[in-house]
Structures are given as structure tokens and as C-alpha cells.
């Protein structure tokens, strides 16, 4: 993978991780657990493995946003 692509991927992962951490009110263990288990909303893929494009990262951020607002996904 090119360095530029790798850097972009790291930024996307950081954004999703930060959003998950906020979702779980700063509880890193809960956020990490959620990011490490299959998620039905993305076809039972594991969120940390799913972040491979800006579109997929945005999809995860949208899911986290819906959960923050009590919308079951």
C-alpha cells in the first residue's frame, strides 16, 4: 500500500475510534470491544477491519451517530 493511502487509512481509523470512544463516554475498553466484534449493520464485518475506504469509514461514523441519537441500526 502506498504511504499516502496508508496515512489516509490511519486518519480514517482514528476518526472512527474517536467517535466510538465518544459513543461509550470515554470508556476505551467498551469502544475497543465494540470495534472488535462483528457488526450486523455492516454485514457482520468487524469495524476495525471494515475501515478501508473513506466511504466505509463514513458509514461507520453514520452508524455511531445514529446510536448516539438512540436510532437502532
Protein backbone atom coordinates (compact mmCIF):
# COMPACT_ATOMS: atom_id res chain seq x y z
CA UNK A 1 0.00 0.00 0.00
CA UNK A 2 1.31 3.42 -0.84
CA UNK A 3 2.37 5.68 2.00
CA UNK A 4 -0.32 8.25 1.16
CA UNK A 5 -3.05 5.59 1.22
CA UNK A 6 -1.72 4.19 4.49
CA UNK A 7 -1.76 7.64 6.09
CA UNK A 8 -5.33 8.21 4.93
CA UNK A 9 -6.37 4.87 6.35
CA UNK A 10 -4.81 5.74 9.69
CA UNK A 11 -6.69 9.05 9.76
CA UNK A 12 -9.97 7.26 8.99
CA UNK A 13 -9.32 4.68 11.73
CA UNK A 14 -8.50 7.46 14.20
CA UNK A 15 -11.74 9.31 13.39
CA UNK A 16 -13.84 6.16 13.82
CA UNK A 17 -12.03 5.23 17.04
CA UNK A 18 -12.54 8.73 18.44
CA UNK A 19 -16.25 8.59 17.58
CA UNK A 20 -16.60 5.15 19.19
CA UNK A 21 -14.80 6.42 22.29
CA UNK A 22 -17.24 9.35 22.47
CA UNK A 23 -20.18 6.95 21.98
CA UNK A 24 -19.04 4.99 25.02
CA UNK A 25 -18.39 8.18 27.01
CA UNK A 26 -14.63 7.74 27.20
CA UNK A 27 -14.68 4.04 28.11
CA UNK A 28 -11.84 2.79 25.91
CA UNK A 29 -12.44 -0.87 26.81
CA UNK A 30 -16.08 -0.70 25.66
CA UNK A 31 -15.19 1.20 22.49
CA UNK A 32 -12.42 -1.26 21.64
CA UNK A 33 -14.75 -4.19 22.29
CA UNK A 34 -17.44 -2.72 20.02
CA UNK A 35 -14.90 -2.05 17.26
CA UNK A 36 -13.57 -5.63 17.52
CA UNK A 37 -16.81 -7.60 17.19
CA UNK A 38 -18.93 -8.38 14.12
CA UNK A 39 -21.49 -5.64 13.49
CA UNK A 40 -24.76 -6.67 11.79
CA UNK A 41 -25.21 -3.17 10.31
CA UNK A 42 -22.15 -3.75 8.09
CA UNK A 43 -22.83 -7.36 7.15
CA UNK A 44 -21.31 -8.84 10.31
CA UNK A 45 -17.89 -7.49 9.45
CA UNK A 46 -15.58 -6.31 12.22
CA UNK A 47 -15.46 -2.50 12.25
CA UNK A 48 -11.67 -2.24 12.58
CA UNK A 49 -11.29 -4.50 9.52
CA UNK A 50 -14.03 -2.64 7.64
CA UNK A 51 -12.30 0.75 7.56
CA UNK A 52 -10.52 0.50 4.23
CA UNK A 53 -12.03 3.42 2.34
CA UNK A 54 -13.44 6.86 3.12
CA UNK A 55 -16.92 5.61 2.20
CA UNK A 56 -16.76 2.75 4.68
CA UNK A 57 -15.34 4.99 7.40
CA UNK A 58 -18.21 7.44 6.79
CA UNK A 59 -20.68 4.57 7.01
CA UNK A 60 -19.28 3.59 10.42
CA UNK A 61 -19.36 7.22 11.57
CA UNK A 62 -23.01 7.43 10.45
CA UNK A 63 -23.83 4.25 12.42
CA UNK A 64 -22.12 5.66 15.51
CA UNK A 65 -24.05 8.92 15.06
CA UNK A 66 -27.35 7.06 14.86
CA UNK A 67 -26.51 5.09 18.00
CA UNK A 68 -25.66 8.32 19.83
CA UNK A 69 -29.14 9.58 18.99
CA UNK A 70 -30.88 6.36 20.00
CA UNK A 71 -31.62 5.13 16.48
CA UNK A 72 -31.34 1.34 16.47
CA UNK A 73 -29.27 0.16 13.50
